[in-house]
Amino acid sequence: YECISSWLLKSMKLSFQNRCLFKFGIRNAEFGIMVAASPLIWMKSNLIVDKSKAFALRIIRMYQFLTVEKHETILSKQVLRSGTSIGANVREAIRGQSSADFYSRLNISLKEASETEYWLELLYESGYISKEAFNSIYSDCQELISILVAITKHNSQ
């Protein structure tokens, strides 16, 4: 993908959605180009979409393990809801109808990621998941939070 400088991006007549897609490194099929707002977001595919989906799949596998092997349903259901909601809200943000809608959905994703951190801490501290499993999935959650903070910070500037 080719990187477009900001002056070229401004000179192109793009819809709001396409401007957001370009601004946050989300590949636009119509133009086949990639632009990133920050080094955290730059990849050939959309980093936050890919990572949030991979994280949701890890959460689903952890839920399956907890319910089958540990017979734990309360905390695991909570972490399943919040952990999979991150990616769902990211996807909704991409199709946002306005800038406010875009940032609102990403802020909801950020809140869900913070809630997921809490449930993961409880699962670890109550002995349902091992230290290794906790450290691995918790660091993925913190990485998602860092990326979401980097994206949503652009709204306040």
N, C-alpha and C. Protein backbone atom coordinates (compact mmCIF):
# COMPACT_ATOMS: atom_id res chain seq x y z
N TYR A 1 0.83 -1.19 0.00
CA TYR A 1 0.00 0.00 0.00
C TYR A 1 0.87 1.23 0.00
N GLU A 2 0.32 2.24 -0.56
CA GLU A 2 1.10 3.46 -0.61
C GLU A 2 0.59 4.45 0.43
N CYS A 3 1.49 5.19 0.96
CA CYS A 3 1.14 6.15 2.00
C CYS A 3 0.87 7.50 1.34
N ILE A 4 -0.22 8.12 1.69
CA ILE A 4 -0.60 9.40 1.11
C ILE A 4 -0.30 10.49 2.13
N SER A 5 0.32 11.54 1.68
CA SER A 5 0.60 12.64 2.61
C SER A 5 -0.70 13.36 2.94
N SER A 6 -0.70 14.08 4.04
CA SER A 6 -1.93 14.72 4.51
C SER A 6 -2.44 15.76 3.52
N TRP A 7 -1.54 16.47 2.83
CA TRP A 7 -2.01 17.49 1.89
C TRP A 7 -2.76 16.86 0.73
N LEU A 8 -2.31 15.68 0.29
CA LEU A 8 -2.99 14.98 -0.80
C LEU A 8 -4.35 14.49 -0.33
N LEU A 9 -4.39 13.98 0.89
CA LEU A 9 -5.63 13.49 1.47
C LEU A 9 -6.67 14.60 1.56
N LYS A 10 -6.22 15.80 1.96
CA LYS A 10 -7.14 16.94 2.06
C LYS A 10 -7.64 17.38 0.69
N SER A 11 -6.79 17.24 -0.31
CA SER A 11 -7.18 17.68 -1.65
C SER A 11 -8.15 16.72 -2.32
N MET A 12 -8.19 15.46 -1.85
CA MET A 12 -9.12 14.49 -2.42
C MET A 12 -10.51 14.77 -1.88
N LYS A 13 -11.50 14.67 -2.73
CA LYS A 13 -12.87 14.89 -2.30
C LYS A 13 -13.43 13.54 -1.85
N LEU A 14 -13.38 13.31 -0.52
CA LEU A 14 -13.82 12.04 0.04
C LEU A 14 -15.00 12.26 0.98
N SER A 15 -15.84 11.25 1.08
CA SER A 15 -16.94 11.31 2.04
C SER A 15 -16.36 11.25 3.44
N PHE A 16 -17.19 11.57 4.44
CA PHE A 16 -16.73 11.51 5.83
C PHE A 16 -16.20 10.12 6.16
N GLN A 17 -16.95 9.08 5.76
CA GLN A 17 -16.55 7.72 6.08
C GLN A 17 -15.19 7.39 5.47
N ASN A 18 -14.97 7.77 4.23
CA ASN A 18 -13.68 7.49 3.58
C ASN A 18 -12.56 8.28 4.24
N ARG A 19 -12.84 9.51 4.69
CA ARG A 19 -11.81 10.27 5.41
C ARG A 19 -11.42 9.54 6.70
N CYS A 20 -12.41 9.02 7.43
CA CYS A 20 -12.12 8.26 8.65
C CYS A 20 -11.36 7.00 8.32
N LEU A 21 -11.75 6.33 7.26
CA LEU A 21 -11.05 5.10 6.87
C LEU A 21 -9.59 5.39 6.57
N PHE A 22 -9.34 6.47 5.84
CA PHE A 22 -7.96 6.84 5.54
C PHE A 22 -7.23 7.27 6.81
N LYS A 23 -7.88 8.13 7.59
CA LYS A 23 -7.25 8.74 8.76
C LYS A 23 -6.76 7.70 9.76
N PHE A 24 -7.50 6.61 9.93
CA PHE A 24 -7.15 5.64 10.95
C PHE A 24 -6.58 4.36 10.38
N GLY A 25 -6.05 4.42 9.19
CA GLY A 25 -5.32 3.27 8.67
C GLY A 25 -6.21 2.11 8.28
N ILE A 26 -7.45 2.37 7.99
CA ILE A 26 -8.36 1.31 7.60
C ILE A 26 -8.35 1.26 6.07
N ARG A 27 -8.04 0.11 5.53
CA ARG A 27 -7.90 -0.02 4.08
C ARG A 27 -9.22 0.27 3.40
N ASN A 28 -9.16 1.09 2.38
CA ASN A 28 -10.33 1.42 1.61
C ASN A 28 -10.27 0.65 0.30
N ALA A 29 -11.24 -0.23 0.08
CA ALA A 29 -11.24 -1.09 -1.10
C ALA A 29 -11.32 -0.29 -2.40
N GLU A 30 -12.04 0.82 -2.36
CA GLU A 30 -12.21 1.63 -3.57
C GLU A 30 -10.88 2.21 -4.05
N PHE A 31 -10.04 2.63 -3.12
CA PHE A 31 -8.78 3.26 -3.49
C PHE A 31 -7.59 2.33 -3.33
N GLY A 32 -7.72 1.28 -2.51
CA GLY A 32 -6.63 0.33 -2.32
C GLY A 32 -5.39 0.95 -1.71
N ILE A 33 -5.56 1.95 -0.89
CA ILE A 33 -4.43 2.62 -0.27
C ILE A 33 -4.58 2.60 1.24
N MET A 34 -3.48 2.86 1.90
CA MET A 34 -3.47 2.83 3.35
C MET A 34 -2.79 4.08 3.88
N VAL A 35 -3.42 4.71 4.83
CA VAL A 35 -2.83 5.86 5.49
C VAL A 35 -3.00 5.65 6.98
N ALA A 36 -2.02 6.04 7.75
CA ALA A 36 -2.11 5.86 9.19
C ALA A 36 -2.01 7.18 9.91
N ALA A 37 -2.75 7.30 10.99
CA ALA A 37 -2.69 8.50 11.81
C ALA A 37 -1.49 8.47 12.75
N SER A 38 -1.03 7.29 13.11
CA SER A 38 0.12 7.17 13.99
C SER A 38 0.82 5.85 13.72
N PRO A 39 2.08 5.68 14.14
CA PRO A 39 2.79 4.43 13.93
C PRO A 39 2.10 3.23 14.57
N LEU A 40 1.34 3.44 15.65
CA LEU A 40 0.63 2.34 16.28
C LEU A 40 -0.41 1.71 15.36
N ILE A 41 -0.95 2.50 14.47
CA ILE A 41 -2.06 2.06 13.64
C ILE A 41 -1.58 1.54 12.29
N TRP A 42 -0.37 1.85 11.87
CA TRP A 42 0.10 1.52 10.54
C TRP A 42 0.34 0.03 10.37
N MET A 43 -0.39 -0.60 9.48
CA MET A 43 -0.19 -1.98 9.05
C MET A 43 -0.88 -2.12 7.71
N LYS A 44 -0.64 -3.24 7.02
CA LYS A 44 -1.30 -3.44 5.74
C LYS A 44 -2.79 -3.70 5.91
N SER A 45 -3.21 -4.19 7.05
CA SER A 45 -4.63 -4.31 7.34
C SER A 45 -4.91 -3.49 8.59
N ASN A 46 -6.14 -3.39 8.96
CA ASN A 46 -6.49 -2.55 10.10
C ASN A 46 -6.12 -3.23 11.40
N LEU A 47 -5.19 -2.67 12.10
CA LEU A 47 -4.65 -3.24 13.33
C LEU A 47 -5.72 -3.46 14.39
N ILE A 48 -6.54 -2.47 14.68
CA ILE A 48 -7.51 -2.59 15.76
C ILE A 48 -8.59 -3.61 15.43
N VAL A 49 -9.01 -3.68 14.18
CA VAL A 49 -10.02 -4.67 13.79
C VAL A 49 -9.45 -6.08 13.94
N ASP A 50 -8.25 -6.28 13.42
CA ASP A 50 -7.62 -7.61 13.49
C ASP A 50 -7.35 -8.04 14.92
N LYS A 51 -6.79 -7.15 15.71
CA LYS A 51 -6.43 -7.50 17.10
C LYS A 51 -7.67 -7.70 17.97
N SER A 52 -8.70 -6.89 17.76
CA SER A 52 -9.90 -7.06 18.58
C SER A 52 -10.62 -8.36 18.24
N LYS A 53 -10.57 -8.76 16.98
CA LYS A 53 -11.20 -10.03 16.59
C LYS A 53 -10.39 -11.22 17.14
N ALA A 54 -9.08 -11.15 17.03
CA ALA A 54 -8.23 -12.21 17.58
C ALA A 54 -8.41 -12.31 19.09
N PHE A 55 -8.54 -11.18 19.75
CA PHE A 55 -8.76 -11.16 21.19
C PHE A 55 -10.11 -11.79 21.54
N ALA A 56 -11.14 -11.47 20.77
CA ALA A 56 -12.46 -12.05 21.01
C ALA A 56 -12.41 -13.57 20.87
N LEU A 57 -11.68 -14.06 19.90
CA LEU A 57 -11.55 -15.51 19.73
C LEU A 57 -10.83 -16.15 20.92
N ARG A 58 -9.82 -15.47 21.45
CA ARG A 58 -9.14 -15.96 22.65
C ARG A 58 -10.08 -15.98 23.84
N ILE A 59 -10.89 -14.95 23.97
CA ILE A 59 -11.86 -14.87 25.07
C ILE A 59 -12.88 -16.02 24.95
N ILE A 60 -13.33 -16.29 23.74
CA ILE A 60 -14.29 -17.38 23.52
C ILE A 60 -13.67 -18.71 23.93
N ARG A 61 -12.42 -18.94 23.54
CA ARG A 61 -11.74 -20.19 23.92
C ARG A 61 -11.56 -20.29 25.43
N MET A 62 -11.24 -19.17 26.06
CA MET A 62 -11.09 -19.16 27.51
C MET A 62 -12.43 -19.45 28.18
N TYR A 63 -13.50 -18.88 27.65
CA TYR A 63 -14.85 -19.14 28.18
C TYR A 63 -15.18 -20.64 28.08
N GLN A 64 -14.88 -21.23 26.94
CA GLN A 64 -15.15 -22.66 26.75
C GLN A 64 -14.36 -23.49 27.78
N PHE A 65 -13.10 -23.13 27.99
CA PHE A 65 -12.27 -23.83 28.97
C PHE A 65 -12.85 -23.69 30.37
N LEU A 66 -13.20 -22.47 30.74
CA LEU A 66 -13.69 -22.21 32.10
C LEU A 66 -15.01 -22.92 32.37
N THR A 67 -15.89 -22.95 31.41
CA THR A 67 -17.19 -23.58 31.64
C THR A 67 -17.09 -25.10 31.63
N VAL A 68 -16.25 -25.66 30.78
CA VAL A 68 -16.14 -27.12 30.69
C VAL A 68 -15.20 -27.68 31.76
N GLU A 69 -14.00 -27.13 31.87
CA GLU A 69 -12.99 -27.68 32.77
C GLU A 69 -13.14 -27.22 34.22
N LYS A 70 -13.46 -25.96 34.41
CA LYS A 70 -13.51 -25.39 35.77
C LYS A 70 -14.94 -25.24 36.30
N HIS A 71 -15.92 -25.46 35.44
CA HIS A 71 -17.34 -25.33 35.80
C HIS A 71 -17.66 -23.96 36.39
N GLU A 72 -17.03 -22.94 35.83
CA GLU A 72 -17.24 -21.56 36.25
C GLU A 72 -18.09 -20.87 35.19
N THR A 73 -19.21 -20.29 35.59
CA THR A 73 -20.10 -19.68 34.60
C THR A 73 -20.33 -18.18 34.81
N ILE A 74 -20.25 -17.71 36.02
CA ILE A 74 -20.61 -16.31 36.30
C ILE A 74 -19.55 -15.34 35.75
N LEU A 75 -18.32 -15.44 36.24
CA LEU A 75 -17.26 -14.54 35.79
C LEU A 75 -16.93 -14.75 34.31
N SER A 76 -16.95 -16.01 33.88
CA SER A 76 -16.60 -16.30 32.49
C SER A 76 -17.61 -15.70 31.52
N LYS A 77 -18.88 -15.67 31.91
CA LYS A 77 -19.90 -15.06 31.05
C LYS A 77 -19.70 -13.55 30.96
N GLN A 78 -19.31 -12.95 32.07
CA GLN A 78 -19.05 -11.51 32.08
C GLN A 78 -17.87 -11.15 31.17
N VAL A 79 -16.78 -11.91 31.30
CA VAL A 79 -15.60 -11.63 30.46
C VAL A 79 -15.90 -11.94 28.99
N LEU A 80 -16.76 -12.92 28.74
CA LEU A 80 -17.16 -13.23 27.36
C LEU A 80 -17.92 -12.05 26.75
N ARG A 81 -18.84 -11.49 27.50
CA ARG A 81 -19.63 -10.35 26.99
C ARG A 81 -18.77 -9.12 26.73
N SER A 82 -17.96 -8.76 27.71
CA SER A 82 -17.16 -7.54 27.54
C SER A 82 -16.02 -7.75 26.54
N GLY A 83 -15.40 -8.91 26.56
CA GLY A 83 -14.26 -9.18 25.67
C GLY A 83 -14.63 -9.27 24.20
N THR A 84 -15.82 -9.79 23.91
CA THR A 84 -16.25 -9.87 22.50
C THR A 84 -16.89 -8.56 22.04
N SER A 85 -17.36 -7.78 22.98
CA SER A 85 -17.98 -6.50 22.64
C SER A 85 -16.98 -5.48 22.09
N ILE A 86 -15.71 -5.63 22.46
CA ILE A 86 -14.68 -4.69 21.99
C ILE A 86 -14.66 -4.67 20.47
N GLY A 87 -14.50 -5.83 19.87
CA GLY A 87 -14.43 -5.94 18.41
C GLY A 87 -15.73 -5.55 17.72
N ALA A 88 -16.87 -5.90 18.34
CA ALA A 88 -18.16 -5.55 17.75
C ALA A 88 -18.32 -4.04 17.66
N ASN A 89 -17.92 -3.33 18.70
CA ASN A 89 -18.03 -1.87 18.68
C ASN A 89 -17.02 -1.23 17.73
N VAL A 90 -15.85 -1.83 17.59
CA VAL A 90 -14.87 -1.35 16.61
C VAL A 90 -15.46 -1.45 15.21
N ARG A 91 -16.08 -2.60 14.91
CA ARG A 91 -16.71 -2.78 13.60
C ARG A 91 -17.82 -1.77 13.37
N GLU A 92 -18.62 -1.52 14.41
CA GLU A 92 -19.69 -0.53 14.28
C GLU A 92 -19.11 0.86 14.05
N ALA A 93 -17.98 1.16 14.67
CA ALA A 93 -17.35 2.48 14.50
C ALA A 93 -16.95 2.70 13.05
N ILE A 94 -16.45 1.66 12.41
CA ILE A 94 -16.02 1.78 11.02
C ILE A 94 -17.18 2.20 10.12
N ARG A 95 -18.36 1.75 10.45
CA ARG A 95 -19.55 2.11 9.66
C ARG A 95 -20.29 3.30 10.27
N GLY A 96 -19.62 4.03 11.13
CA GLY A 96 -20.24 5.18 11.78
C GLY A 96 -20.77 6.19 10.78
N GLN A 97 -21.88 6.81 11.13
CA GLN A 97 -22.51 7.76 10.22
C GLN A 97 -21.96 9.17 10.36
N SER A 98 -21.22 9.40 11.41
CA SER A 98 -20.65 10.73 11.62
C SER A 98 -19.37 10.57 12.43
N SER A 99 -18.65 11.64 12.54
CA SER A 99 -17.44 11.63 13.36
C SER A 99 -17.78 11.34 14.82
N ALA A 100 -18.86 11.94 15.30
CA ALA A 100 -19.28 11.72 16.69
C ALA A 100 -19.62 10.25 16.92
N ASP A 101 -20.32 9.65 15.97
CA ASP A 101 -20.68 8.23 16.07
C ASP A 101 -19.43 7.35 16.06
N PHE A 102 -18.50 7.67 15.18
CA PHE A 102 -17.23 6.94 15.07
C PHE A 102 -16.50 6.92 16.41
N TYR A 103 -16.29 8.11 16.99
CA TYR A 103 -15.56 8.21 18.25
C TYR A 103 -16.36 7.65 19.43
N SER A 104 -17.66 7.79 19.39
CA SER A 104 -18.50 7.24 20.46
C SER A 104 -18.35 5.72 20.53
N ARG A 105 -18.39 5.07 19.39
CA ARG A 105 -18.25 3.60 19.35
C ARG A 105 -16.85 3.17 19.81
N LEU A 106 -15.85 3.91 19.42
CA LEU A 106 -14.50 3.56 19.86
C LEU A 106 -14.32 3.78 21.36
N ASN A 107 -14.97 4.80 21.89
CA ASN A 107 -14.93 5.01 23.34
C ASN A 107 -15.66 3.90 24.09
N ILE A 108 -16.74 3.40 23.51
CA ILE A 108 -17.43 2.26 24.11
C ILE A 108 -16.51 1.04 24.09
N SER A 109 -15.79 0.84 23.00
CA SER A 109 -14.83 -0.26 22.91
C SER A 109 -13.77 -0.14 23.99
N LEU A 110 -13.31 1.07 24.22
CA LEU A 110 -12.31 1.33 25.27
C LEU A 110 -12.86 0.98 26.65
N LYS A 111 -14.09 1.36 26.92
CA LYS A 111 -14.72 1.03 28.21
C LYS A 111 -14.87 -0.48 28.37
N GLU A 112 -15.27 -1.16 27.29
CA GLU A 112 -15.41 -2.62 27.34
C GLU A 112 -14.07 -3.30 27.58
N ALA A 113 -13.01 -2.76 27.00
CA ALA A 113 -11.68 -3.31 27.22
C ALA A 113 -11.25 -3.14 28.67
N SER A 114 -11.57 -2.00 29.26
CA SER A 114 -11.26 -1.77 30.67
C SER A 114 -12.06 -2.72 31.56
N GLU A 115 -13.30 -2.94 31.22
CA GLU A 115 -14.12 -3.89 31.98
C GLU A 115 -13.56 -5.31 31.86
N THR A 116 -13.11 -5.66 30.67
CA THR A 116 -12.52 -6.98 30.45
C THR A 116 -11.28 -7.17 31.32
N GLU A 117 -10.47 -6.12 31.43
CA GLU A 117 -9.30 -6.17 32.32
C GLU A 117 -9.73 -6.55 33.74
N TYR A 118 -10.78 -5.94 34.21
CA TYR A 118 -11.28 -6.20 35.56
C TYR A 118 -11.67 -7.67 35.73
N TRP A 119 -12.45 -8.20 34.78
CA TRP A 119 -12.90 -9.59 34.87
C TRP A 119 -11.72 -10.55 34.78
N LEU A 120 -10.74 -10.23 33.97
CA LEU A 120 -9.54 -11.07 33.88
C LEU A 120 -8.79 -11.09 35.20
N GLU A 121 -8.68 -9.93 35.83
CA GLU A 121 -8.02 -9.85 37.14
C GLU A 121 -8.75 -10.72 38.17
N LEU A 122 -10.08 -10.65 38.17
CA LEU A 122 -10.85 -11.47 39.11
C LEU A 122 -10.68 -12.96 38.83
N LEU A 123 -10.67 -13.34 37.56
CA LEU A 123 -10.49 -14.76 37.22
C LEU A 123 -9.12 -15.26 37.69
N TYR A 124 -8.11 -14.42 37.53
CA TYR A 124 -6.77 -14.81 37.95
C TYR A 124 -6.66 -14.85 39.48
N GLU A 125 -7.12 -13.80 40.13
CA GLU A 125 -6.98 -13.71 41.58
C GLU A 125 -7.83 -14.73 42.33
N SER A 126 -8.88 -15.23 41.68
CA SER A 126 -9.71 -16.27 42.29
C SER A 126 -9.21 -17.68 41.95
N GLY A 127 -8.16 -17.76 41.14
CA GLY A 127 -7.54 -19.05 40.84
C GLY A 127 -8.12 -19.83 39.68
N TYR A 128 -9.00 -19.20 38.90
CA TYR A 128 -9.59 -19.90 37.77
C TYR A 128 -8.67 -19.99 36.55
N ILE A 129 -7.77 -19.02 36.40
CA ILE A 129 -6.80 -19.10 35.30
C ILE A 129 -5.38 -18.99 35.87
N SER A 130 -4.45 -19.63 35.19
CA SER A 130 -3.06 -19.65 35.64
C SER A 130 -2.39 -18.30 35.41
N LYS A 131 -1.25 -18.12 36.04
CA LYS A 131 -0.49 -16.89 35.89
C LYS A 131 -0.06 -16.69 34.44
N GLU A 132 0.39 -17.77 33.79
CA GLU A 132 0.84 -17.68 32.39
C GLU A 132 -0.31 -17.28 31.48
N ALA A 133 -1.47 -17.92 31.66
CA ALA A 133 -2.64 -17.60 30.83
C ALA A 133 -3.07 -16.16 31.08
N PHE A 134 -3.09 -15.77 32.35
CA PHE A 134 -3.47 -14.40 32.70
C PHE A 134 -2.53 -13.39 32.06
N ASN A 135 -1.22 -13.58 32.24
CA ASN A 135 -0.24 -12.63 31.70
C ASN A 135 -0.39 -12.48 30.19
N SER A 136 -0.62 -13.58 29.51
CA SER A 136 -0.74 -13.55 28.05
C SER A 136 -1.98 -12.78 27.59
N ILE A 137 -3.13 -13.15 28.10
CA ILE A 137 -4.37 -12.52 27.63
C ILE A 137 -4.52 -11.10 28.19
N TYR A 138 -4.00 -10.87 29.39
CA TYR A 138 -4.06 -9.53 29.99
C TYR A 138 -3.20 -8.54 29.19
N SER A 139 -2.03 -9.00 28.74
CA SER A 139 -1.19 -8.10 27.94
C SER A 139 -1.84 -7.79 26.60
N ASP A 140 -2.57 -8.75 26.02
CA ASP A 140 -3.32 -8.48 24.79
C ASP A 140 -4.40 -7.43 25.04
N CYS A 141 -5.06 -7.53 26.17
CA CYS A 141 -6.11 -6.57 26.52
C CYS A 141 -5.51 -5.18 26.71
N GLN A 142 -4.38 -5.09 27.38
CA GLN A 142 -3.72 -3.80 27.58
C GLN A 142 -3.26 -3.20 26.25
N GLU A 143 -2.84 -4.06 25.33
CA GLU A 143 -2.44 -3.57 24.01
C GLU A 143 -3.63 -2.98 23.27
N LEU A 144 -4.78 -3.64 23.35
CA LEU A 144 -5.99 -3.09 22.74
C LEU A 144 -6.34 -1.74 23.35
N ILE A 145 -6.22 -1.63 24.65
CA ILE A 145 -6.51 -0.36 25.33
C ILE A 145 -5.57 0.73 24.83
N SER A 146 -4.30 0.41 24.70
CA SER A 146 -3.33 1.40 24.21
C SER A 146 -3.66 1.88 22.81
N ILE A 147 -4.04 0.97 21.95
CA ILE A 147 -4.39 1.33 20.57
C ILE A 147 -5.65 2.19 20.56
N LEU A 148 -6.66 1.79 21.32
CA LEU A 148 -7.91 2.56 21.37
C LEU A 148 -7.68 3.95 21.95
N VAL A 149 -6.83 4.06 22.96
CA VAL A 149 -6.50 5.38 23.52
C VAL A 149 -5.82 6.24 22.47
N ALA A 150 -4.90 5.64 21.70
CA ALA A 150 -4.19 6.39 20.66
C ALA A 150 -5.16 6.91 19.60
N ILE A 151 -6.14 6.10 19.24
CA ILE A 151 -7.11 6.52 18.22
C ILE A 151 -8.06 7.58 18.78
N THR A 152 -8.62 7.32 19.95
CA THR A 152 -9.61 8.26 20.50
C THR A 152 -9.00 9.58 20.94
N LYS A 153 -7.69 9.58 21.20
CA LYS A 153 -7.00 10.81 21.58
C LYS A 153 -7.07 11.83 20.45
N HIS A 154 -7.15 11.38 19.21
CA HIS A 154 -7.23 12.30 18.06
C HIS A 154 -8.50 13.12 18.08
N ASN A 155 -9.55 12.60 18.70
CA ASN A 155 -10.82 13.33 18.78
C ASN A 155 -10.72 14.53 19.69
N SER A 156 -9.94 14.43 20.74
CA SER A 156 -9.85 15.53 21.69
C SER A 156 -8.87 16.62 21.24
N GLN A 157 -8.14 16.37 20.18
CA GLN A 157 -7.16 17.36 19.71
C GLN A 157 -7.77 18.36 18.76
